[in-house]
């Protein structure tokens, strides 16, 4: 009987740690999603609202493209230009 009690206490403790870890993980993911816009989205929004010129946009976009993964959406994609080919 004592062996089963010890096993149940161990499983209960592990389950408690799993619930706490899941809550922390979900909280961190929600906080990241709510507070961070991608740099590309901010750049697109500033260009669309007229805050930056086309020259500034393409200069900054090329910096983003060289420092991050290739993006297949945005102004180049709508004009039929492959962003990876630039």
PDB file of N, CA and C in Angstrom:
ATOM      1  N   UNK A   1       0.816  -1.188   0.000  1.00  0.00           N
ATOM      2  CA  UNK A   1       0.000   0.000   0.000  1.00  0.00           C
ATOM      3  C   UNK A   1       0.865   1.259   0.000  1.00  0.00           C
ATOM      4  N   UNK A   2       1.983   1.227   0.707  1.00  0.00           N
ATOM      5  CA  UNK A   2       2.841   2.402   0.798  1.00  0.00           C
ATOM      6  C   UNK A   2       3.458   2.727  -0.550  1.00  0.00           C
ATOM      7  N   UNK A   3       3.795   1.705  -1.329  1.00  0.00           N
ATOM      8  CA  UNK A   3       4.388   1.931  -2.643  1.00  0.00           C
ATOM      9  C   UNK A   3       3.457   2.684  -3.575  1.00  0.00           C
ATOM     10  N   UNK A   4       2.176   2.326  -3.538  1.00  0.00           N
ATOM     11  CA  UNK A   4       1.200   3.015  -4.387  1.00  0.00           C
ATOM     12  C   UNK A   4       1.007   4.464  -3.966  1.00  0.00           C
ATOM     13  N   UNK A   5       1.027   4.713  -2.673  1.00  0.00           N
ATOM     14  CA  UNK A   5       0.867   6.087  -2.189  1.00  0.00           C
ATOM     15  C   UNK A   5       2.028   6.960  -2.664  1.00  0.00           C
ATOM     16  N   UNK A   6       3.234   6.426  -2.580  1.00  0.00           N
ATOM     17  CA  UNK A   6       4.402   7.170  -3.042  1.00  0.00           C
ATOM     18  C   UNK A   6       4.337   7.448  -4.535  1.00  0.00           C
ATOM     19  N   UNK A   7       3.887   6.448  -5.302  1.00  0.00           N
ATOM     20  CA  UNK A   7       3.759   6.620  -6.747  1.00  0.00           C
ATOM     21  C   UNK A   7       2.701   7.666  -7.076  1.00  0.00           C
ATOM     22  N   UNK A   8       1.595   7.652  -6.365  1.00  0.00           N
ATOM     23  CA  UNK A   8       0.535   8.633  -6.602  1.00  0.00           C
ATOM     24  C   UNK A   8       0.989  10.043  -6.238  1.00  0.00           C
ATOM     25  N   UNK A   9       1.757  10.178  -5.155  1.00  0.00           N
ATOM     26  CA  UNK A   9       2.276  11.494  -4.784  1.00  0.00           C
ATOM     27  C   UNK A   9       3.242  11.998  -5.853  1.00  0.00           C
ATOM     28  N   UNK A  10       4.074  11.124  -6.386  1.00  0.00           N
ATOM     29  CA  UNK A  10       5.014  11.504  -7.428  1.00  0.00           C
ATOM     30  C   UNK A  10       4.271  11.932  -8.697  1.00  0.00           C
ATOM     31  N   UNK A  11       3.279  11.166  -9.089  1.00  0.00           N
ATOM     32  CA  UNK A  11       2.497  11.514 -10.277  1.00  0.00           C
ATOM     33  C   UNK A  11       1.735  12.825 -10.077  1.00  0.00           C
ATOM     34  N   UNK A  12       1.205  13.036  -8.892  1.00  0.00           N
ATOM     35  CA  UNK A  12       0.509  14.286  -8.601  1.00  0.00           C
ATOM     36  C   UNK A  12       1.446  15.481  -8.676  1.00  0.00           C
ATOM     37  N   UNK A  13       2.647  15.324  -8.153  1.00  0.00           N
ATOM     38  CA  UNK A  13       3.630  16.402  -8.209  1.00  0.00           C
ATOM     39  C   UNK A  13       4.026  16.691  -9.645  1.00  0.00           C
ATOM     40  N   UNK A  14       4.254  15.652 -10.434  1.00  0.00           N
ATOM     41  CA  UNK A  14       4.599  15.841 -11.845  1.00  0.00           C
ATOM     42  C   UNK A  14       3.467  16.510 -12.612  1.00  0.00           C
ATOM     43  N   UNK A  15       2.238  16.136 -12.320  1.00  0.00           N
ATOM     44  CA  UNK A  15       1.091  16.752 -12.978  1.00  0.00           C
ATOM     45  C   UNK A  15       0.991  18.237 -12.606  1.00  0.00           C
ATOM     46  N   UNK A  16       1.258  18.559 -11.357  1.00  0.00           N
ATOM     47  CA  UNK A  16       1.228  19.952 -10.918  1.00  0.00           C
ATOM     48  C   UNK A  16       2.289  20.768 -11.656  1.00  0.00           C
ATOM     49  N   UNK A  17       3.500  20.229 -11.765  1.00  0.00           N
ATOM     50  CA  UNK A  17       4.566  20.924 -12.510  1.00  0.00           C
ATOM     51  C   UNK A  17       4.195  21.087 -13.979  1.00  0.00           C
ATOM     52  N   UNK A  18       3.552  20.091 -14.559  1.00  0.00           N
ATOM     53  CA  UNK A  18       3.141  20.180 -15.966  1.00  0.00           C
ATOM     54  C   UNK A  18       2.104  21.283 -16.160  1.00  0.00           C
ATOM     55  N   UNK A  19       1.170  21.398 -15.242  1.00  0.00           N
ATOM     56  CA  UNK A  19       0.143  22.447 -15.335  1.00  0.00           C
ATOM     57  C   UNK A  19       0.781  23.825 -15.187  1.00  0.00           C
ATOM     58  N   UNK A  20       1.698  23.974 -14.255  1.00  0.00           N
ATOM     59  CA  UNK A  20       2.380  25.257 -14.062  1.00  0.00           C
ATOM     60  C   UNK A  20       3.202  25.613 -15.293  1.00  0.00           C
ATOM     61  N   UNK A  21       3.935  24.644 -15.841  1.00  0.00           N
ATOM     62  CA  UNK A  21       4.744  24.898 -17.035  1.00  0.00           C
ATOM     63  C   UNK A  21       3.866  25.286 -18.216  1.00  0.00           C
ATOM     64  N   UNK A  22       2.738  24.627 -18.390  1.00  0.00           N
ATOM     65  CA  UNK A  22       1.825  24.959 -19.486  1.00  0.00           C
ATOM     66  C   UNK A  22       1.264  26.364 -19.321  1.00  0.00           C
ATOM     67  N   UNK A  23       0.921  26.743 -18.097  1.00  0.00           N
ATOM     68  CA  UNK A  23       0.383  28.084 -17.850  1.00  0.00           C
ATOM     69  C   UNK A  23       1.438  29.153 -18.148  1.00  0.00           C
ATOM     70  N   UNK A  24       2.672  28.914 -17.753  1.00  0.00           N
ATOM     71  CA  UNK A  24       3.749  29.863 -18.042  1.00  0.00           C
ATOM     72  C   UNK A  24       3.972  29.965 -19.540  1.00  0.00           C
ATOM     73  N   UNK A  25       3.999  28.834 -20.231  1.00  0.00           N
ATOM     74  CA  UNK A  25       4.204  28.820 -21.681  1.00  0.00           C
ATOM     75  C   UNK A  25       3.100  29.597 -22.402  1.00  0.00           C
ATOM     76  N   UNK A  26       1.865  29.354 -22.047  1.00  0.00           N
ATOM     77  CA  UNK A  26       0.741  30.045 -22.681  1.00  0.00           C
ATOM     78  C   UNK A  26       0.794  31.543 -22.377  1.00  0.00           C
ATOM     79  N   UNK A  27       1.125  31.902 -21.157  1.00  0.00           N
ATOM     80  CA  UNK A  27       1.230  33.313 -20.797  1.00  0.00           C
ATOM     81  C   UNK A  27       2.311  34.035 -21.582  1.00  0.00           C
ATOM     82  N   UNK A  28       3.458  33.399 -21.740  1.00  0.00           N
ATOM     83  CA  UNK A  28       4.549  34.009 -22.504  1.00  0.00           C
ATOM     84  C   UNK A  28       4.162  34.148 -23.964  1.00  0.00           C
ATOM     85  N   UNK A  29       3.561  33.121 -24.540  1.00  0.00           N
ATOM     86  CA  UNK A  29       3.160  33.187 -25.952  1.00  0.00           C
ATOM     87  C   UNK A  29       2.107  34.272 -26.184  1.00  0.00           C
ATOM     88  N   UNK A  30       1.161  34.412 -25.286  1.00  0.00           N
ATOM     89  CA  UNK A  30       0.143  35.455 -25.426  1.00  0.00           C
ATOM     90  C   UNK A  30       0.757  36.840 -25.295  1.00  0.00           C
ATOM     91  N   UNK A  31       1.692  36.997 -24.374  1.00  0.00           N
ATOM     92  CA  UNK A  31       2.346  38.298 -24.190  1.00  0.00           C
ATOM     93  C   UNK A  31       3.165  38.670 -25.419  1.00  0.00           C
ATOM     94  N   UNK A  32       3.838  37.713 -26.020  1.00  0.00           N
ATOM     95  CA  UNK A  32       4.631  37.987 -27.217  1.00  0.00           C
ATOM     96  C   UNK A  32       3.730  38.340 -28.386  1.00  0.00           C
ATOM     97  N   UNK A  33       2.654  37.625 -28.557  1.00  0.00           N
ATOM     98  CA  UNK A  33       1.760  37.870 -29.676  1.00  0.00           C
ATOM     99  C   UNK A  33       1.045  39.206 -29.571  1.00  0.00           C
ATOM    100  N   UNK A  34       0.733  39.634 -28.378  1.00  0.00           N
ATOM    101  CA  UNK A  34      -0.010  40.872 -28.195  1.00  0.00           C
ATOM    102  C   UNK A  34       0.867  42.106 -28.339  1.00  0.00           C
ATOM    103  N   UNK A  35       2.146  41.994 -28.034  1.00  0.00           N
ATOM    104  CA  UNK A  35       2.965  43.197 -27.989  1.00  0.00           C
ATOM    105  C   UNK A  35       3.908  43.353 -29.162  1.00  0.00           C
ATOM    106  N   UNK A  36       4.043  42.355 -30.018  1.00  0.00           N
ATOM    107  CA  UNK A  36       5.055  42.474 -31.061  1.00  0.00           C
ATOM    108  C   UNK A  36       4.434  42.398 -32.449  1.00  0.00           C
ATOM    109  N   UNK A  37       4.696  43.422 -33.234  1.00  0.00           N
ATOM    110  CA  UNK A  37       4.375  43.408 -34.654  1.00  0.00           C
ATOM    111  C   UNK A  37       5.661  43.074 -35.377  1.00  0.00           C
ATOM    112  N   UNK A  38       5.541  42.409 -36.473  1.00  0.00           N
ATOM    113  CA  UNK A  38       6.754  42.145 -37.234  1.00  0.00           C
ATOM    114  C   UNK A  38       7.248  43.449 -37.836  1.00  0.00           C
ATOM    115  N   UNK A  39       8.537  43.521 -38.052  1.00  0.00           N
ATOM    116  CA  UNK A  39       9.122  44.731 -38.637  1.00  0.00           C
ATOM    117  C   UNK A  39       8.542  44.986 -40.021  1.00  0.00           C
ATOM    118  N   UNK A  40       8.285  43.914 -40.752  1.00  0.00           N
ATOM    119  CA  UNK A  40       7.709  44.063 -42.100  1.00  0.00           C
ATOM    120  C   UNK A  40       6.319  44.679 -42.025  1.00  0.00           C
ATOM    121  N   UNK A  41       5.510  44.256 -41.054  1.00  0.00           N
ATOM    122  CA  UNK A  41       4.156  44.786 -40.924  1.00  0.00           C
ATOM    123  C   UNK A  41       4.188  46.272 -40.563  1.00  0.00           C
ATOM    124  N   UNK A  42       5.101  46.649 -39.680  1.00  0.00           N
ATOM    125  CA  UNK A  42       5.232  48.056 -39.303  1.00  0.00           C
ATOM    126  C   UNK A  42       5.670  48.874 -40.514  1.00  0.00           C
ATOM    127  N   UNK A  43       6.639  48.349 -41.258  1.00  0.00           N
ATOM    128  CA  UNK A  43       7.123  49.039 -42.455  1.00  0.00           C
ATOM    129  C   UNK A  43       6.010  49.197 -43.486  1.00  0.00           C
ATOM    130  N   UNK A  44       5.269  48.134 -43.731  1.00  0.00           N
ATOM    131  CA  UNK A  44       4.149  48.199 -44.684  1.00  0.00           C
ATOM    132  C   UNK A  44       3.105  49.220 -44.247  1.00  0.00           C
ATOM    133  N   UNK A  45       2.785  49.230 -42.942  1.00  0.00           N
ATOM    134  CA  UNK A  45       1.782  50.157 -42.432  1.00  0.00           C
ATOM    135  C   UNK A  45       2.258  51.607 -42.559  1.00  0.00           C
ATOM    136  N   UNK A  46       3.538  51.862 -42.270  1.00  0.00           N
ATOM    137  CA  UNK A  46       4.061  53.234 -42.385  1.00  0.00           C
ATOM    138  C   UNK A  46       4.073  53.694 -43.833  1.00  0.00           C
ATOM    139  N   UNK A  47       4.400  52.788 -44.758  1.00  0.00           N
ATOM    140  CA  UNK A  47       4.405  53.143 -46.174  1.00  0.00           C
ATOM    141  C   UNK A  47       2.984  53.408 -46.663  1.00  0.00           C
ATOM    142  N   UNK A  48       2.056  52.575 -46.259  1.00  0.00           N
ATOM    143  CA  UNK A  48       0.660  52.727 -46.689  1.00  0.00           C
ATOM    144  C   UNK A  48       0.047  54.022 -46.168  1.00  0.00           C
ATOM    145  N   UNK A  49       0.449  54.440 -44.986  1.00  0.00           N
ATOM    146  CA  UNK A  49      -0.115  55.671 -44.422  1.00  0.00           C
ATOM    147  C   UNK A  49       0.607  56.926 -44.907  1.00  0.00           C
ATOM    148  N   UNK A  50       1.695  56.760 -45.675  1.00  0.00           N
ATOM    149  CA  UNK A  50       2.410  57.903 -46.221  1.00  0.00           C
ATOM    150  C   UNK A  50       3.465  58.481 -45.303  1.00  0.00           C
ATOM    151  N   UNK A  51       3.793  57.787 -44.214  1.00  0.00           N
ATOM    152  CA  UNK A  51       4.815  58.282 -43.286  1.00  0.00           C
ATOM    153  C   UNK A  51       6.211  58.240 -43.895  1.00  0.00           C
ATOM    154  N   UNK A  52       6.454  57.279 -44.790  1.00  0.00           N
ATOM    155  CA  UNK A  52       7.768  57.156 -45.424  1.00  0.00           C
ATOM    156  C   UNK A  52       7.588  57.118 -46.935  1.00  0.00           C
ATOM    157  N   UNK A  53       8.622  57.544 -47.646  1.00  0.00           N
ATOM    158  CA  UNK A  53       8.566  57.574 -49.106  1.00  0.00           C
ATOM    159  C   UNK A  53       8.839  56.178 -49.667  1.00  0.00           C
ATOM    160  N   UNK A  54       8.595  56.041 -50.963  1.00  0.00           N
ATOM    161  CA  UNK A  54       8.857  54.757 -51.620  1.00  0.00           C
ATOM    162  C   UNK A  54      10.338  54.417 -51.549  1.00  0.00           C
ATOM    163  N   UNK A  55      11.194  55.418 -51.701  1.00  0.00           N
ATOM    164  CA  UNK A  55      12.639  55.180 -51.630  1.00  0.00           C
ATOM    165  C   UNK A  55      13.036  54.662 -50.249  1.00  0.00           C
ATOM    166  N   UNK A  56      12.519  55.305 -49.202  1.00  0.00           N
ATOM    167  CA  UNK A  56      12.793  54.845 -47.845  1.00  0.00           C
ATOM    168  C   UNK A  56      12.265  53.428 -47.631  1.00  0.00           C
ATOM    169  N   UNK A  57      11.066  53.189 -48.146  1.00  0.00           N
ATOM    170  CA  UNK A  57      10.462  51.867 -47.980  1.00  0.00           C
ATOM    171  C   UNK A  57      11.346  50.786 -48.582  1.00  0.00           C
ATOM    172  N   UNK A  58      11.762  50.972 -49.834  1.00  0.00           N
ATOM    173  CA  UNK A  58      12.539  49.935 -50.508  1.00  0.00           C
ATOM    174  C   UNK A  58      13.926  49.775 -49.894  1.00  0.00           C
ATOM    175  N   UNK A  59      14.494  50.862 -49.401  1.00  0.00           N
ATOM    176  CA  UNK A  59      15.791  50.764 -48.723  1.00  0.00           C
ATOM    177  C   UNK A  59      15.663  49.941 -47.446  1.00  0.00           C
ATOM    178  N   UNK A  60      14.658  50.244 -46.640  1.00  0.00           N
ATOM    179  CA  UNK A  60      14.460  49.524 -45.372  1.00  0.00           C
ATOM    180  C   UNK A  60      14.012  48.090 -45.621  1.00  0.00           C
ATOM    181  N   UNK A  61      13.203  47.884 -46.641  1.00  0.00           N
ATOM    182  CA  UNK A  61      12.748  46.540 -46.976  1.00  0.00           C
ATOM    183  C   UNK A  61      13.921  45.666 -47.397  1.00  0.00           C
ATOM    184  N   UNK A  62      14.878  46.228 -48.120  1.00  0.00           N
ATOM    185  CA  UNK A  62      16.035  45.434 -48.540  1.00  0.00           C
ATOM    186  C   UNK A  62      16.891  45.045 -47.334  1.00  0.00           C
ATOM    187  N   UNK A  63      16.967  45.922 -46.337  1.00  0.00           N
ATOM    188  CA  UNK A  63      17.694  45.577 -45.113  1.00  0.00           C
ATOM    189  C   UNK A  63      16.990  44.440 -44.389  1.00  0.00           C
ATOM    190  N   UNK A  64      15.667  44.516 -44.309  1.00  0.00           N
ATOM    191  CA  UNK A  64      14.918  43.433 -43.659  1.00  0.00           C
ATOM    192  C   UNK A  64      15.077  42.123 -44.413  1.00  0.00           C
ATOM    193  N   UNK A  65      15.041  42.187 -45.723  1.00  0.00           N
ATOM    194  CA  UNK A  65      15.156  40.984 -46.532  1.00  0.00           C
ATOM    195  C   UNK A  65      16.529  40.337 -46.358  1.00  0.00           C
ATOM    196  N   UNK A  66      17.575  41.144 -46.246  1.00  0.00           N
ATOM    197  CA  UNK A  66      18.917  40.589 -46.117  1.00  0.00           C
ATOM    198  C   UNK A  66      19.170  40.028 -44.724  1.00  0.00           C
ATOM    199  N   UNK A  67      18.408  40.488 -43.727  1.00  0.00           N
ATOM    200  CA  UNK A  67      18.638  40.013 -42.367  1.00  0.00           C
ATOM    201  C   UNK A  67      17.625  38.981 -41.898  1.00  0.00           C
ATOM    202  N   UNK A  68      16.638  38.650 -42.712  1.00  0.00           N
ATOM    203  CA  UNK A  68      15.614  37.709 -42.269  1.00  0.00           C
ATOM    204  C   UNK A  68      15.239  36.744 -43.362  1.00  0.00           C
ATOM    205  N   UNK A  69      14.224  35.930 -43.122  1.00  0.00           N
ATOM    206  CA  UNK A  69      13.774  34.972 -44.126  1.00  0.00           C
ATOM    207  C   UNK A  69      13.109  35.677 -45.298  1.00  0.00           C
ATOM    208  N   UNK A  70      13.092  35.015 -46.435  1.00  0.00           N
ATOM    209  CA  UNK A  70      12.470  35.574 -47.630  1.00  0.00           C
ATOM    210  C   UNK A  70      10.965  35.656 -47.425  1.00  0.00           C
ATOM    211  N   UNK A  71      10.392  36.789 -47.791  1.00  0.00           N
ATOM    212  CA  UNK A  71       8.962  37.021 -47.628  1.00  0.00           C
ATOM    213  C   UNK A  71       8.330  37.044 -49.003  1.00  0.00           C
ATOM    214  N   UNK A  72       7.192  36.366 -49.144  1.00  0.00           N
ATOM    215  CA  UNK A  72       6.541  36.305 -50.448  1.00  0.00           C
ATOM    216  C   UNK A  72       5.314  37.186 -50.533  1.00  0.00           C
ATOM    217  N   UNK A  73       5.132  38.081 -49.561  1.00  0.00           N
ATOM    218  CA  UNK A  73       4.027  39.025 -49.644  1.00  0.00           C
ATOM    219  C   UNK A  73       4.587  40.433 -49.550  1.00  0.00           C
ATOM    220  N   UNK A  74       3.772  41.411 -49.785  1.00  0.00           N
ATOM    221  CA  UNK A  74       4.240  42.782 -49.732  1.00  0.00           C
ATOM    222  C   UNK A  74       4.160  43.431 -51.098  1.00  0.00           C
ATOM    223  N   UNK A  75       4.701  44.618 -51.239  1.00  0.00           N
ATOM    224  CA  UNK A  75       4.579  45.367 -52.495  1.00  0.00           C
ATOM    225  C   UNK A  75       5.200  44.656 -53.688  1.00  0.00           C
ATOM    226  N   UNK A  76       6.334  43.973 -53.512  1.00  0.00           N
ATOM    227  CA  UNK A  76       6.951  43.294 -54.640  1.00  0.00           C
ATOM    228  C   UNK A  76       6.072  42.164 -55.149  1.00  0.00           C
ATOM    229  N   UNK A  77       5.491  41.407 -54.239  1.00  0.00           N
ATOM    230  CA  UNK A  77       4.653  40.285 -54.642  1.00  0.00           C
ATOM    231  C   UNK A  77       3.430  40.763 -55.407  1.00  0.00           C
ATOM    232  N   UNK A  78       2.879  41.926 -55.010  1.00  0.00           N
ATOM    233  CA  UNK A  78       1.695  42.419 -55.696  1.00  0.00           C
ATOM    234  C   UNK A  78       2.030  42.941 -57.094  1.00  0.00           C
ATOM    235  N   UNK A  79       3.296  43.275 -57.342  1.00  0.00           N
ATOM    236  CA  UNK A  79       3.707  43.730 -58.664  1.00  0.00           C
ATOM    237  C   UNK A  79       4.245  42.574 -59.497  1.00  0.00           C
ATOM    238  N   UNK A  80       4.255  41.369 -58.963  1.00  0.00           N
ATOM    239  CA  UNK A  80       4.727  40.214 -59.702  1.00  0.00           C
ATOM    240  C   UNK A  80       6.239  40.037 -59.639  1.00  0.00           C
ATOM    241  N   UNK A  81       6.906  40.711 -58.700  1.00  0.00           N
ATOM    242  CA  UNK A  81       8.344  40.595 -58.561  1.00  0.00           C
ATOM    243  C   UNK A  81       8.634  39.621 -57.442  1.00  0.00           C
ATOM    244  N   UNK A  82       9.546  38.702 -57.700  1.00  0.00           N
ATOM    245  CA  UNK A  82       9.941  37.732 -56.675  1.00  0.00           C
ATOM    246  C   UNK A  82      10.892  38.413 -55.692  1.00  0.00           C
ATOM    247  N   UNK A  83      10.535  38.543 -54.389  1.00  0.00           N
ATOM    248  CA  UNK A  83      11.392  39.236 -53.439  1.00  0.00           C
ATOM    249  C   UNK A  83      12.749  38.562 -53.283  1.00  0.00           C
ATOM    250  N   UNK A  84      12.815  37.257 -53.476  1.00  0.00           N
ATOM    251  CA  UNK A  84      14.088  36.559 -53.339  1.00  0.00           C
ATOM    252  C   UNK A  84      15.034  36.846 -54.499  1.00  0.00           C
ATOM    253  N   UNK A  85      14.515  37.323 -55.621  1.00  0.00           N
ATOM    254  CA  UNK A  85      15.354  37.572 -56.788  1.00  0.00           C
ATOM    255  C   UNK A  85      16.000  38.934 -56.754  1.00  0.00           C
ATOM    256  N   UNK A  86      15.583  39.814 -55.863  1.00  0.00           N
ATOM    257  CA  UNK A  86      16.133  41.164 -55.810  1.00  0.00           C
ATOM    258  C   UNK A  86      17.419  41.228 -55.077  1.00  0.00           C
TER     259      UNK A  86
END
